[in-house]
Amino acid sequence: MRSNRTDANAGQAMTKQVLRLESSRFHGTGGESAGNRSDGFRPAFLDTDTGAVYLSRFGDGRPAPFHLLDGLPDELVLQRNASGRVHAVKPSVVSGFVRAGRFYNRDEAARAVAEIH
């Protein structure tokens, strides 16, 4: 599976800062939540080590409308801050979207949305 991350971020833990960089890179395209929500995409994460896909959730389990690390399972978490919020998850975790049961990385989602419109 191809990653969304730039070469500079490849192999690094997924953090809120990495998510911000990705969102900035895909701003205005179907590679960000605001650009694909109306086409049925839901923010999600893929663990490339296991192939498991996790929908983005708030810490209390409610579905999140954008990428959040707090709802990911403990086995992916590398570090939490003093208040218990997730600070970093495994480098094998990739952000993307789920639509009709399929995971799309950000590049794939951007292309799919462009083809729809």
PDB file of N, CA and C in Angstrom:
ATOM      1  N   MET A   1       0.853  -1.178   0.000  1.00  0.00           N
ATOM      2  CA  MET A   1       0.000   0.000   0.000  1.00  0.00           C
ATOM      3  C   MET A   1       0.886   1.224   0.000  1.00  0.00           C
ATOM      4  N   ARG A   2       0.558   2.136  -0.842  1.00  0.00           N
ATOM      5  CA  ARG A   2       1.312   3.380  -0.938  1.00  0.00           C
ATOM      6  C   ARG A   2       0.903   4.332   0.176  1.00  0.00           C
ATOM      7  N   SER A   3       1.847   4.990   0.749  1.00  0.00           N
ATOM      8  CA  SER A   3       1.586   5.930   1.831  1.00  0.00           C
ATOM      9  C   SER A   3       1.269   7.308   1.279  1.00  0.00           C
ATOM     10  N   ASN A   4       0.625   8.126   2.103  1.00  0.00           N
ATOM     11  CA  ASN A   4       0.338   9.523   1.769  1.00  0.00           C
ATOM     12  C   ASN A   4       1.482  10.429   2.169  1.00  0.00           C
ATOM     13  N   ARG A   5       2.351   9.937   2.984  1.00  0.00           N
ATOM     14  CA  ARG A   5       3.351  10.792   3.591  1.00  0.00           C
ATOM     15  C   ARG A   5       4.460  11.152   2.627  1.00  0.00           C
ATOM     16  N   THR A   6       5.003  12.329   2.842  1.00  0.00           N
ATOM     17  CA  THR A   6       6.146  12.747   2.046  1.00  0.00           C
ATOM     18  C   THR A   6       7.364  11.953   2.487  1.00  0.00           C
ATOM     19  N   ASP A   7       8.406  11.926   1.689  1.00  0.00           N
ATOM     20  CA  ASP A   7       9.621  11.198   2.052  1.00  0.00           C
ATOM     21  C   ASP A   7      10.171  11.668   3.394  1.00  0.00           C
ATOM     22  N   ALA A   8       9.996  12.953   3.696  1.00  0.00           N
ATOM     23  CA  ALA A   8      10.497  13.492   4.954  1.00  0.00           C
ATOM     24  C   ALA A   8       9.755  12.902   6.150  1.00  0.00           C
ATOM     25  N   ASN A   9       8.487  12.500   5.976  1.00  0.00           N
ATOM     26  CA  ASN A   9       7.692  11.972   7.075  1.00  0.00           C
ATOM     27  C   ASN A   9       7.609  10.452   7.081  1.00  0.00           C
ATOM     28  N   ALA A  10       8.061   9.794   6.024  1.00  0.00           N
ATOM     29  CA  ALA A  10       7.957   8.338   5.939  1.00  0.00           C
ATOM     30  C   ALA A  10       8.718   7.700   7.090  1.00  0.00           C
ATOM     31  N   GLY A  11       8.125   6.701   7.706  1.00  0.00           N
ATOM     32  CA  GLY A  11       8.767   5.999   8.804  1.00  0.00           C
ATOM     33  C   GLY A  11       8.639   6.686  10.151  1.00  0.00           C
ATOM     34  N   GLN A  12       8.052   7.858  10.192  1.00  0.00           N
ATOM     35  CA  GLN A  12       7.849   8.569  11.452  1.00  0.00           C
ATOM     36  C   GLN A  12       6.493   8.214  12.027  1.00  0.00           C
ATOM     37  N   ALA A  13       6.374   8.333  13.320  1.00  0.00           N
ATOM     38  CA  ALA A  13       5.092   8.106  13.982  1.00  0.00           C
ATOM     39  C   ALA A  13       4.054   9.079  13.436  1.00  0.00           C
ATOM     40  N   MET A  14       2.813   8.609  13.363  1.00  0.00           N
ATOM     41  CA  MET A  14       1.696   9.481  12.985  1.00  0.00           C
ATOM     42  C   MET A  14       1.347  10.328  14.202  1.00  0.00           C
ATOM     43  N   THR A  15       1.336  11.641  14.017  1.00  0.00           N
ATOM     44  CA  THR A  15       1.009  12.583  15.080  1.00  0.00           C
ATOM     45  C   THR A  15      -0.006  13.595  14.564  1.00  0.00           C
ATOM     46  N   LYS A  16      -0.500  14.422  15.464  1.00  0.00           N
ATOM     47  CA  LYS A  16      -1.415  15.497  15.074  1.00  0.00           C
ATOM     48  C   LYS A  16      -0.728  16.439  14.085  1.00  0.00           C
ATOM     49  N   GLN A  17       0.568  16.662  14.267  1.00  0.00           N
ATOM     50  CA  GLN A  17       1.315  17.539  13.367  1.00  0.00           C
ATOM     51  C   GLN A  17       1.379  16.939  11.957  1.00  0.00           C
ATOM     52  N   VAL A  18       1.589  15.629  11.862  1.00  0.00           N
ATOM     53  CA  VAL A  18       1.616  14.968  10.562  1.00  0.00           C
ATOM     54  C   VAL A  18       0.248  15.096   9.898  1.00  0.00           C
ATOM     55  N   LEU A  19      -0.820  14.898  10.671  1.00  0.00           N
ATOM     56  CA  LEU A  19      -2.172  15.039  10.122  1.00  0.00           C
ATOM     57  C   LEU A  19      -2.396  16.457   9.589  1.00  0.00           C
ATOM     58  N   ARG A  20      -1.904  17.463  10.321  1.00  0.00           N
ATOM     59  CA  ARG A  20      -2.044  18.855   9.857  1.00  0.00           C
ATOM     60  C   ARG A  20      -1.306  19.080   8.546  1.00  0.00           C
ATOM     61  N   LEU A  21      -0.104  18.539   8.432  1.00  0.00           N
ATOM     62  CA  LEU A  21       0.660  18.671   7.188  1.00  0.00           C
ATOM     63  C   LEU A  21      -0.075  18.004   6.028  1.00  0.00           C
ATOM     64  N   GLU A  22      -0.623  16.828   6.263  1.00  0.00           N
ATOM     65  CA  GLU A  22      -1.369  16.129   5.217  1.00  0.00           C
ATOM     66  C   GLU A  22      -2.601  16.921   4.809  1.00  0.00           C
ATOM     67  N   SER A  23      -3.328  17.439   5.786  1.00  0.00           N
ATOM     68  CA  SER A  23      -4.524  18.232   5.476  1.00  0.00           C
ATOM     69  C   SER A  23      -4.163  19.472   4.666  1.00  0.00           C
ATOM     70  N   SER A  24      -3.062  20.092   5.029  1.00  0.00           N
ATOM     71  CA  SER A  24      -2.607  21.266   4.285  1.00  0.00           C
ATOM     72  C   SER A  24      -2.249  20.891   2.847  1.00  0.00           C
ATOM     73  N   ARG A  25      -1.554  19.786   2.697  1.00  0.00           N
ATOM     74  CA  ARG A  25      -1.154  19.325   1.358  1.00  0.00           C
ATOM     75  C   ARG A  25      -2.367  19.050   0.473  1.00  0.00           C
ATOM     76  N   PHE A  26      -3.440  18.514   1.051  1.00  0.00           N
ATOM     77  CA  PHE A  26      -4.611  18.132   0.272  1.00  0.00           C
ATOM     78  C   PHE A  26      -5.753  19.140   0.357  1.00  0.00           C
ATOM     79  N   HIS A  27      -5.489  20.318   0.937  1.00  0.00           N
ATOM     80  CA  HIS A  27      -6.524  21.343   1.085  1.00  0.00           C
ATOM     81  C   HIS A  27      -7.178  21.663  -0.267  1.00  0.00           C
ATOM     82  N   GLY A  28      -8.499  21.688  -0.248  1.00  0.00           N
ATOM     83  CA  GLY A  28      -9.232  22.030  -1.461  1.00  0.00           C
ATOM     84  C   GLY A  28      -9.433  20.875  -2.424  1.00  0.00           C
ATOM     85  N   THR A  29      -9.053  19.661  -1.999  1.00  0.00           N
ATOM     86  CA  THR A  29      -9.203  18.478  -2.857  1.00  0.00           C
ATOM     87  C   THR A  29     -10.032  17.423  -2.126  1.00  0.00           C
ATOM     88  N   GLY A  30     -10.294  16.335  -2.796  1.00  0.00           N
ATOM     89  CA  GLY A  30     -10.969  15.204  -2.183  1.00  0.00           C
ATOM     90  C   GLY A  30     -10.087  14.424  -1.238  1.00  0.00           C
ATOM     91  N   GLY A  31      -8.870  14.876  -1.018  1.00  0.00           N
ATOM     92  CA  GLY A  31      -7.956  14.237  -0.082  1.00  0.00           C
ATOM     93  C   GLY A  31      -8.072  14.767   1.326  1.00  0.00           C
ATOM     94  N   GLU A  32      -9.054  15.628   1.564  1.00  0.00           N
ATOM     95  CA  GLU A  32      -9.339  16.092   2.925  1.00  0.00           C
ATOM     96  C   GLU A  32     -10.829  15.917   3.187  1.00  0.00           C
ATOM     97  N   SER A  33     -11.183  15.787   4.440  1.00  0.00           N
ATOM     98  CA  SER A  33     -12.564  15.482   4.820  1.00  0.00           C
ATOM     99  C   SER A  33     -13.571  16.475   4.250  1.00  0.00           C
ATOM    100  N   ALA A  34     -13.263  17.754   4.320  1.00  0.00           N
ATOM    101  CA  ALA A  34     -14.204  18.766   3.826  1.00  0.00           C
ATOM    102  C   ALA A  34     -14.435  18.648   2.319  1.00  0.00           C
ATOM    103  N   GLY A  35     -13.468  18.078   1.612  1.00  0.00           N
ATOM    104  CA  GLY A  35     -13.576  17.980   0.162  1.00  0.00           C
ATOM    105  C   GLY A  35     -14.192  16.692  -0.345  1.00  0.00           C
ATOM    106  N   ASN A  36     -14.523  15.761   0.561  1.00  0.00           N
ATOM    107  CA  ASN A  36     -15.069  14.495   0.067  1.00  0.00           C
ATOM    108  C   ASN A  36     -16.260  13.964   0.860  1.00  0.00           C
ATOM    109  N   ARG A  37     -16.603  14.615   1.940  1.00  0.00           N
ATOM    110  CA  ARG A  37     -17.685  14.147   2.805  1.00  0.00           C
ATOM    111  C   ARG A  37     -18.987  13.963   2.037  1.00  0.00           C
ATOM    112  N   SER A  38     -19.310  14.909   1.172  1.00  0.00           N
ATOM    113  CA  SER A  38     -20.579  14.843   0.433  1.00  0.00           C
ATOM    114  C   SER A  38     -20.594  13.706  -0.595  1.00  0.00           C
ATOM    115  N   ASP A  39     -19.446  13.117  -0.871  1.00  0.00           N
ATOM    116  CA  ASP A  39     -19.360  11.991  -1.803  1.00  0.00           C
ATOM    117  C   ASP A  39     -19.310  10.643  -1.089  1.00  0.00           C
ATOM    118  N   GLY A  40     -19.583  10.644   0.214  1.00  0.00           N
ATOM    119  CA  GLY A  40     -19.687   9.397   0.958  1.00  0.00           C
ATOM    120  C   GLY A  40     -18.408   8.875   1.577  1.00  0.00           C
ATOM    121  N   PHE A  41     -17.350   9.675   1.611  1.00  0.00           N
ATOM    122  CA  PHE A  41     -16.095   9.255   2.228  1.00  0.00           C
ATOM    123  C   PHE A  41     -16.125   9.564   3.724  1.00  0.00           C
ATOM    124  N   ARG A  42     -15.595   8.630   4.529  1.00  0.00           N
ATOM    125  CA  ARG A  42     -15.489   8.832   5.974  1.00  0.00           C
ATOM    126  C   ARG A  42     -14.022   8.748   6.361  1.00  0.00           C
ATOM    127  N   PRO A  43     -13.531   9.676   7.179  1.00  0.00           N
ATOM    128  CA  PRO A  43     -12.123   9.651   7.583  1.00  0.00           C
ATOM    129  C   PRO A  43     -11.800   8.351   8.326  1.00  0.00           C
ATOM    130  N   ALA A  44     -10.643   7.791   8.007  1.00  0.00           N
ATOM    131  CA  ALA A  44     -10.238   6.506   8.578  1.00  0.00           C
ATOM    132  C   ALA A  44      -8.722   6.395   8.585  1.00  0.00           C
ATOM    133  N   PHE A  45      -8.253   5.326   9.202  1.00  0.00           N
ATOM    134  CA  PHE A  45      -6.830   5.022   9.259  1.00  0.00           C
ATOM    135  C   PHE A  45      -6.624   3.565   8.872  1.00  0.00           C
ATOM    136  N   LEU A  46      -5.529   3.291   8.204  1.00  0.00           N
ATOM    137  CA  LEU A  46      -5.139   1.941   7.846  1.00  0.00           C
ATOM    138  C   LEU A  46      -3.832   1.618   8.545  1.00  0.00           C
ATOM    139  N   ASP A  47      -3.778   0.476   9.231  1.00  0.00           N
ATOM    140  CA  ASP A  47      -2.516  -0.008   9.771  1.00  0.00           C
ATOM    141  C   ASP A  47      -1.916  -0.905   8.694  1.00  0.00           C
ATOM    142  N   THR A  48      -0.901  -0.432   8.021  1.00  0.00           N
ATOM    143  CA  THR A  48      -0.322  -1.170   6.904  1.00  0.00           C
ATOM    144  C   THR A  48       0.381  -2.450   7.355  1.00  0.00           C
ATOM    145  N   ASP A  49       0.690  -2.579   8.643  1.00  0.00           N
ATOM    146  CA  ASP A  49       1.281  -3.818   9.163  1.00  0.00           C
ATOM    147  C   ASP A  49       0.269  -4.957   9.188  1.00  0.00           C
ATOM    148  N   THR A  50      -0.980  -4.630   9.523  1.00  0.00           N
ATOM    149  CA  THR A  50      -2.000  -5.666   9.715  1.00  0.00           C
ATOM    150  C   THR A  50      -3.101  -5.640   8.663  1.00  0.00           C
ATOM    151  N   GLY A  51      -3.245  -4.515   7.967  1.00  0.00           N
ATOM    152  CA  GLY A  51      -4.340  -4.364   7.015  1.00  0.00           C
ATOM    153  C   GLY A  51      -5.640  -3.937   7.672  1.00  0.00           C
ATOM    154  N   ALA A  52      -5.626  -3.735   8.984  1.00  0.00           N
ATOM    155  CA  ALA A  52      -6.839  -3.326   9.701  1.00  0.00           C
ATOM    156  C   ALA A  52      -7.154  -1.855   9.406  1.00  0.00           C
ATOM    157  N   VAL A  53      -8.439  -1.584   9.222  1.00  0.00           N
ATOM    158  CA  VAL A  53      -8.915  -0.229   8.959  1.00  0.00           C
ATOM    159  C   VAL A  53      -9.760   0.224  10.150  1.00  0.00           C
ATOM    160  N   TYR A  54      -9.546   1.458  10.573  1.00  0.00           N
ATOM    161  CA  TYR A  54     -10.250   2.030  11.716  1.00  0.00           C
ATOM    162  C   TYR A  54     -10.882   3.351  11.302  1.00  0.00           C
ATOM    163  N   LEU A  55     -12.194   3.463  11.465  1.00  0.00           N
ATOM    164  CA  LEU A  55     -12.839   4.746  11.219  1.00  0.00           C
ATOM    165  C   LEU A  55     -12.356   5.737  12.265  1.00  0.00           C
ATOM    166  N   SER A  56     -12.244   6.994  11.884  1.00  0.00           N
ATOM    167  CA  SER A  56     -11.822   8.029  12.810  1.00  0.00           C
ATOM    168  C   SER A  56     -12.928   8.256  13.835  1.00  0.00           C
ATOM    169  N   ARG A  57     -12.536   8.282  15.103  1.00  0.00           N
ATOM    170  CA  ARG A  57     -13.502   8.442  16.190  1.00  0.00           C
ATOM    171  C   ARG A  57     -12.961   9.389  17.245  1.00  0.00           C
ATOM    172  N   PHE A  58     -13.895  10.011  17.952  1.00  0.00           N
ATOM    173  CA  PHE A  58     -13.532  10.771  19.139  1.00  0.00           C
ATOM    174  C   PHE A  58     -13.114   9.764  20.207  1.00  0.00           C
ATOM    175  N   GLY A  59     -12.473  10.238  21.263  1.00  0.00           N
ATOM    176  CA  GLY A  59     -12.033   9.361  22.338  1.00  0.00           C
ATOM    177  C   GLY A  59     -13.155   8.576  22.990  1.00  0.00           C
ATOM    178  N   ASP A  60     -14.385   9.101  22.930  1.00  0.00           N
ATOM    179  CA  ASP A  60     -15.529   8.407  23.539  1.00  0.00           C
ATOM    180  C   ASP A  60     -16.198   7.424  22.585  1.00  0.00           C
ATOM    181  N   GLY A  61     -15.628   7.268  21.375  1.00  0.00           N
ATOM    182  CA  GLY A  61     -16.149   6.282  20.433  1.00  0.00           C
ATOM    183  C   GLY A  61     -17.089   6.817  19.366  1.00  0.00           C
ATOM    184  N   ARG A  62     -17.541   8.058  19.506  1.00  0.00           N
ATOM    185  CA  ARG A  62     -18.419   8.632  18.479  1.00  0.00           C
ATOM    186  C   ARG A  62     -17.643   8.843  17.182  1.00  0.00           C
ATOM    187  N   PRO A  63     -18.294   8.625  16.028  1.00  0.00           N
ATOM    188  CA  PRO A  63     -17.619   8.883  14.749  1.00  0.00           C
ATOM    189  C   PRO A  63     -17.183  10.347  14.648  1.00  0.00           C
ATOM    190  N   ALA A  64     -15.984  10.567  14.156  1.00  0.00           N
ATOM    191  CA  ALA A  64     -15.450  11.925  13.994  1.00  0.00           C
ATOM    192  C   ALA A  64     -15.548  12.333  12.523  1.00  0.00           C
ATOM    193  N   PRO A  65     -15.858  13.589  12.251  1.00  0.00           N
ATOM    194  CA  PRO A  65     -15.986  14.055  10.871  1.00  0.00           C
ATOM    195  C   PRO A  65     -14.648  14.407  10.214  1.00  0.00           C
ATOM    196  N   PHE A  66     -13.563  14.210  10.929  1.00  0.00           N
ATOM    197  CA  PHE A  66     -12.215  14.487  10.434  1.00  0.00           C
ATOM    198  C   PHE A  66     -11.262  13.527  11.133  1.00  0.00           C
ATOM    199  N   HIS A  67     -10.000  13.538  10.767  1.00  0.00           N
ATOM    200  CA  HIS A  67      -9.026  12.595  11.330  1.00  0.00           C
ATOM    201  C   HIS A  67      -8.628  12.981  12.755  1.00  0.00           C
ATOM    202  N   LEU A  68      -8.853  12.055  13.680  1.00  0.00           N
ATOM    203  CA  LEU A  68      -8.461  12.199  15.082  1.00  0.00           C
ATOM    204  C   LEU A  68      -7.742  10.938  15.516  1.00  0.00           C
ATOM    205  N   LEU A  69      -6.684  11.085  16.272  1.00  0.00           N
ATOM    206  CA  LEU A  69      -5.938   9.931  16.760  1.00  0.00           C
ATOM    207  C   LEU A  69      -6.545   9.342  18.032  1.00  0.00           C
ATOM    208  N   ASP A  70      -7.318  10.128  18.778  1.00  0.00           N
ATOM    209  CA  ASP A  70      -7.804   9.714  20.088  1.00  0.00           C
ATOM    210  C   ASP A  70      -8.677   8.466  20.084  1.00  0.00           C
ATOM    211  N   GLY A  71      -9.358   8.160  19.006  1.00  0.00           N
ATOM    212  CA  GLY A  71     -10.233   7.001  18.972  1.00  0.00           C
ATOM    213  C   GLY A  71      -9.567   5.726  18.504  1.00  0.00           C
ATOM    214  N   LEU A  72      -8.273   5.770  18.213  1.00  0.00           N
ATOM    215  CA  LEU A  72      -7.570   4.574  17.746  1.00  0.00           C
ATOM    216  C   LEU A  72      -7.311   3.618  18.916  1.00  0.00           C
ATOM    217  N   PRO A  73      -7.269   2.313  18.641  1.00  0.00           N
ATOM    218  CA  PRO A  73      -7.064   1.338  19.727  1.00  0.00           C
ATOM    219  C   PRO A  73      -5.677   1.439  20.357  1.00  0.00           C
ATOM    220  N   ASP A  74      -5.615   1.028  21.612  1.00  0.00           N
ATOM    221  CA  ASP A  74      -4.375   1.128  22.388  1.00  0.00           C
ATOM    222  C   ASP A  74      -3.190   0.436  21.721  1.00  0.00           C
ATOM    223  N   GLU A  75      -3.425  -0.643  20.982  1.00  0.00           N
ATOM    224  CA  GLU A  75      -2.298  -1.365  20.380  1.00  0.00           C
ATOM    225  C   GLU A  75      -1.575  -0.544  19.299  1.00  0.00           C
ATOM    226  N   LEU A  76      -2.191   0.529  18.831  1.00  0.00           N
ATOM    227  CA  LEU A  76      -1.543   1.402  17.849  1.00  0.00           C
ATOM    228  C   LEU A  76      -0.835   2.584  18.501  1.00  0.00           C
ATOM    229  N   VAL A  77      -1.193   2.891  19.734  1.00  0.00           N
ATOM    230  CA  VAL A  77      -0.711   4.096  20.415  1.00  0.00           C
ATOM    231  C   VAL A  77       0.715   3.916  20.914  1.00  0.00           C
ATOM    232  N   LEU A  78       1.557   4.879  20.566  1.00  0.00           N
ATOM    233  CA  LEU A  78       2.942   4.903  21.046  1.00  0.00           C
ATOM    234  C   LEU A  78       3.112   5.839  22.230  1.00  0.00           C
ATOM    235  N   GLN A  79       2.339   6.937  22.240  1.00  0.00           N
ATOM    236  CA  GLN A  79       2.537   7.942  23.278  1.00  0.00           C
ATOM    237  C   GLN A  79       1.251   8.715  23.520  1.00  0.00           C
ATOM    238  N   ARG A  80       0.994   9.000  24.799  1.00  0.00           N
ATOM    239  CA  ARG A  80      -0.134   9.858  25.198  1.00  0.00           C
ATOM    240  C   ARG A  80       0.425  11.063  25.954  1.00  0.00           C
ATOM    241  N   ASN A  81      -0.323  12.159  25.918  1.00  0.00           N
ATOM    242  CA  ASN A  81       0.116  13.330  26.688  1.00  0.00           C
ATOM    243  C   ASN A  81      -0.370  13.196  28.130  1.00  0.00           C
ATOM    244  N   ALA A  82      -0.077  14.179  28.963  1.00  0.00           N
ATOM    245  CA  ALA A  82      -0.403  14.115  30.389  1.00  0.00           C
ATOM    246  C   ALA A  82      -1.903  13.962  30.649  1.00  0.00           C
ATOM    247  N   SER A  83      -2.741  14.474  29.746  1.00  0.00           N
ATOM    248  CA  SER A  83      -4.192  14.367  29.934  1.00  0.00           C
ATOM    249  C   SER A  83      -4.772  13.093  29.320  1.00  0.00           C
ATOM    250  N   GLY A  84      -3.906  12.252  28.755  1.00  0.00           N
ATOM    251  CA  GLY A  84      -4.359  10.975  28.213  1.00  0.00           C
ATOM    252  C   GLY A  84      -4.698  10.974  26.736  1.00  0.00           C
ATOM    253  N   ARG A  85      -4.606  12.122  26.093  1.00  0.00           N
ATOM    254  CA  ARG A  85      -4.894  12.184  24.654  1.00  0.00           C
ATOM    255  C   ARG A  85      -3.737  11.567  23.875  1.00  0.00           C
ATOM    256  N   VAL A  86      -4.070  10.939  22.764  1.00  0.00           N
ATOM    257  CA  VAL A  86      -3.056  10.279  21.946  1.00  0.00           C
ATOM    258  C   VAL A  86      -2.150  11.327  21.312  1.00  0.00           C
ATOM    259  N   HIS A  87      -0.870  11.144  21.498  1.00  0.00           N
ATOM    260  CA  HIS A  87       0.121  12.050  20.903  1.00  0.00           C
ATOM    261  C   HIS A  87       0.739  11.446  19.644  1.00  0.00           C
ATOM    262  N   ALA A  88       0.967  10.122  19.657  1.00  0.00           N
ATOM    263  CA  ALA A  88       1.607   9.473  18.506  1.00  0.00           C
ATOM    264  C   ALA A  88       1.134   8.030  18.396  1.00  0.00           C
ATOM    265  N   VAL A  89       1.011   7.580  17.146  1.00  0.00           N
ATOM    266  CA  VAL A  89       0.690   6.176  16.876  1.00  0.00           C
ATOM    267  C   VAL A  89       1.759   5.593  15.959  1.00  0.00           C
ATOM    268  N   LYS A  90       1.708   4.282  15.793  1.00  0.00           N
ATOM    269  CA  LYS A  90       2.717   3.569  15.014  1.00  0.00           C
ATOM    270  C   LYS A  90       2.951   4.196  13.637  1.00  0.00           C
ATOM    271  N   PRO A  91       4.186   4.165  13.154  1.00  0.00           N
ATOM    272  CA  PRO A  91       4.491   4.696  11.818  1.00  0.00           C
ATOM    273  C   PRO A  91       3.765   3.961  10.692  1.00  0.00           C
ATOM    274  N   SER A  92       3.288   2.758  10.960  1.00  0.00           N
ATOM    275  CA  SER A  92       2.577   1.987   9.935  1.00  0.00           C
ATOM    276  C   SER A  92       1.153   2.475   9.710  1.00  0.00           C
ATOM    277  N   VAL A  93       0.700   3.435  10.505  1.00  0.00           N
ATOM    278  CA  VAL A  93      -0.670   3.954  10.380  1.00  0.00           C
ATOM    279  C   VAL A  93      -0.707   5.061   9.337  1.00  0.00           C
ATOM    280  N   VAL A  94      -1.638   4.924   8.395  1.00  0.00           N
ATOM    281  CA  VAL A  94      -1.808   5.860   7.286  1.00  0.00           C
ATOM    282  C   VAL A  94      -3.209   6.448   7.365  1.00  0.00           C
ATOM    283  N   SER A  95      -3.318   7.741   7.180  1.00  0.00           N
ATOM    284  CA  SER A  95      -4.647   8.361   7.163  1.00  0.00           C
ATOM    285  C   SER A  95      -5.252   8.254   5.767  1.00  0.00           C
ATOM    286  N   GLY A  96      -6.558   8.186   5.734  1.00  0.00           N
ATOM    287  CA  GLY A  96      -7.273   8.108   4.470  1.00  0.00           C
ATOM    288  C   GLY A  96      -8.759   8.125   4.714  1.00  0.00           C
ATOM    289  N   PHE A  97      -9.493   7.414   3.892  1.00  0.00           N
ATOM    290  CA  PHE A  97     -10.956   7.441   3.955  1.00  0.00           C
ATOM    291  C   PHE A  97     -11.528   6.085   3.579  1.00  0.00           C
ATOM    292  N   VAL A  98     -12.726   5.821   4.074  1.00  0.00           N
ATOM    293  CA  VAL A  98     -13.464   4.629   3.693  1.00  0.00           C
ATOM    294  C   VAL A  98     -14.706   5.072   2.942  1.00  0.00           C
ATOM    295  N   ARG A  99     -14.943   4.387   1.838  1.00  0.00           N
ATOM    296  CA  ARG A  99     -16.157   4.625   1.053  1.00  0.00           C
ATOM    297  C   ARG A  99     -16.593   3.278   0.491  1.00  0.00           C
ATOM    298  N   ALA A 100     -17.848   2.933   0.718  1.00  0.00           N
ATOM    299  CA  ALA A 100     -18.409   1.678   0.219  1.00  0.00           C
ATOM    300  C   ALA A 100     -17.530   0.478   0.592  1.00  0.00           C
ATOM    301  N   GLY A 101     -17.016   0.491   1.827  1.00  0.00           N
ATOM    302  CA  GLY A 101     -16.241  -0.632   2.323  1.00  0.00           C
ATOM    303  C   GLY A 101     -14.805  -0.709   1.866  1.00  0.00           C
ATOM    304  N   ARG A 102     -14.336   0.280   1.127  1.00  0.00           N
ATOM    305  CA  ARG A 102     -12.958   0.282   0.619  1.00  0.00           C
ATOM    306  C   ARG A 102     -12.170   1.423   1.240  1.00  0.00           C
ATOM    307  N   PHE A 103     -10.903   1.154   1.601  1.00  0.00           N
ATOM    308  CA  PHE A 103     -10.013   2.189   2.109  1.00  0.00           C
ATOM    309  C   PHE A 103      -9.334   2.896   0.940  1.00  0.00           C
ATOM    310  N   TYR A 104      -9.316   4.212   0.994  1.00  0.00           N
ATOM    311  CA  TYR A 104      -8.613   5.052   0.020  1.00  0.00           C
ATOM    312  C   TYR A 104      -7.586   5.870   0.787  1.00  0.00           C
ATOM    313  N   ASN A 105      -6.323   5.878   0.347  1.00  0.00           N
ATOM    314  CA  ASN A 105      -5.399   6.822   0.967  1.00  0.00           C
ATOM    315  C   ASN A 105      -5.773   8.217   0.440  1.00  0.00           C
ATOM    316  N   ARG A 106      -5.120   9.243   0.924  1.00  0.00           N
ATOM    317  CA  ARG A 106      -5.522  10.607   0.544  1.00  0.00           C
ATOM    318  C   ARG A 106      -5.365  10.865  -0.954  1.00  0.00           C
ATOM    319  N   ASP A 107      -4.298  10.362  -1.543  1.00  0.00           N
ATOM    320  CA  ASP A 107      -4.102  10.536  -2.987  1.00  0.00           C
ATOM    321  C   ASP A 107      -5.228   9.866  -3.764  1.00  0.00           C
ATOM    322  N   GLU A 108      -5.562   8.639  -3.386  1.00  0.00           N
ATOM    323  CA  GLU A 108      -6.624   7.897  -4.070  1.00  0.00           C
ATOM    324  C   GLU A 108      -7.975   8.583  -3.910  1.00  0.00           C
ATOM    325  N   ALA A 109      -8.256   9.093  -2.713  1.00  0.00           N
ATOM    326  CA  ALA A 109      -9.521   9.790  -2.479  1.00  0.00           C
ATOM    327  C   ALA A 109      -9.598  11.066  -3.323  1.00  0.00           C
ATOM    328  N   ALA A 110      -8.494  11.802  -3.394  1.00  0.00           N
ATOM    329  CA  ALA A 110      -8.474  13.031  -4.204  1.00  0.00           C
ATOM    330  C   ALA A 110      -8.769  12.716  -5.675  1.00  0.00           C
ATOM    331  N   ARG A 111      -8.148  11.660  -6.188  1.00  0.00           N
ATOM    332  CA  ARG A 111      -8.396  11.259  -7.574  1.00  0.00           C
ATOM    333  C   ARG A 111      -9.840  10.809  -7.778  1.00  0.00           C
ATOM    334  N   ALA A 112     -10.362  10.013  -6.837  1.00  0.00           N
ATOM    335  CA  ALA A 112     -11.727   9.510  -6.965  1.00  0.00           C
ATOM    336  C   ALA A 112     -12.736  10.652  -6.980  1.00  0.00           C
ATOM    337  N   VAL A 113     -12.558  11.619  -6.113  1.00  0.00           N
ATOM    338  CA  VAL A 113     -13.479  12.759  -6.055  1.00  0.00           C
ATOM    339  C   VAL A 113     -13.374  13.578  -7.344  1.00  0.00           C
ATOM    340  N   ALA A 114     -12.160  13.775  -7.840  1.00  0.00           N
ATOM    341  CA  ALA A 114     -11.979  14.514  -9.098  1.00  0.00           C
ATOM    342  C   ALA A 114     -12.706  13.819 -10.256  1.00  0.00           C
ATOM    343  N   GLU A 115     -12.682  12.486 -10.253  1.00  0.00           N
ATOM    344  CA  GLU A 115     -13.370  11.729 -11.306  1.00  0.00           C
ATOM    345  C   GLU A 115     -14.889  11.830 -11.166  1.00  0.00           C
ATOM    346  N   ILE A 116     -15.386  11.884  -9.935  1.00  0.00           N
ATOM    347  CA  ILE A 116     -16.828  12.013  -9.692  1.00  0.00           C
ATOM    348  C   ILE A 116     -17.338  13.352 -10.217  1.00  0.00           C
ATOM    349  N   HIS A 117     -16.536  14.403 -10.033  1.00  0.00           N
ATOM    350  CA  HIS A 117     -16.970  15.753 -10.390  1.00  0.00           C
ATOM    351  C   HIS A 117     -16.366  16.076 -11.723  1.00  0.00           C
TER     352      HIS A 117
END
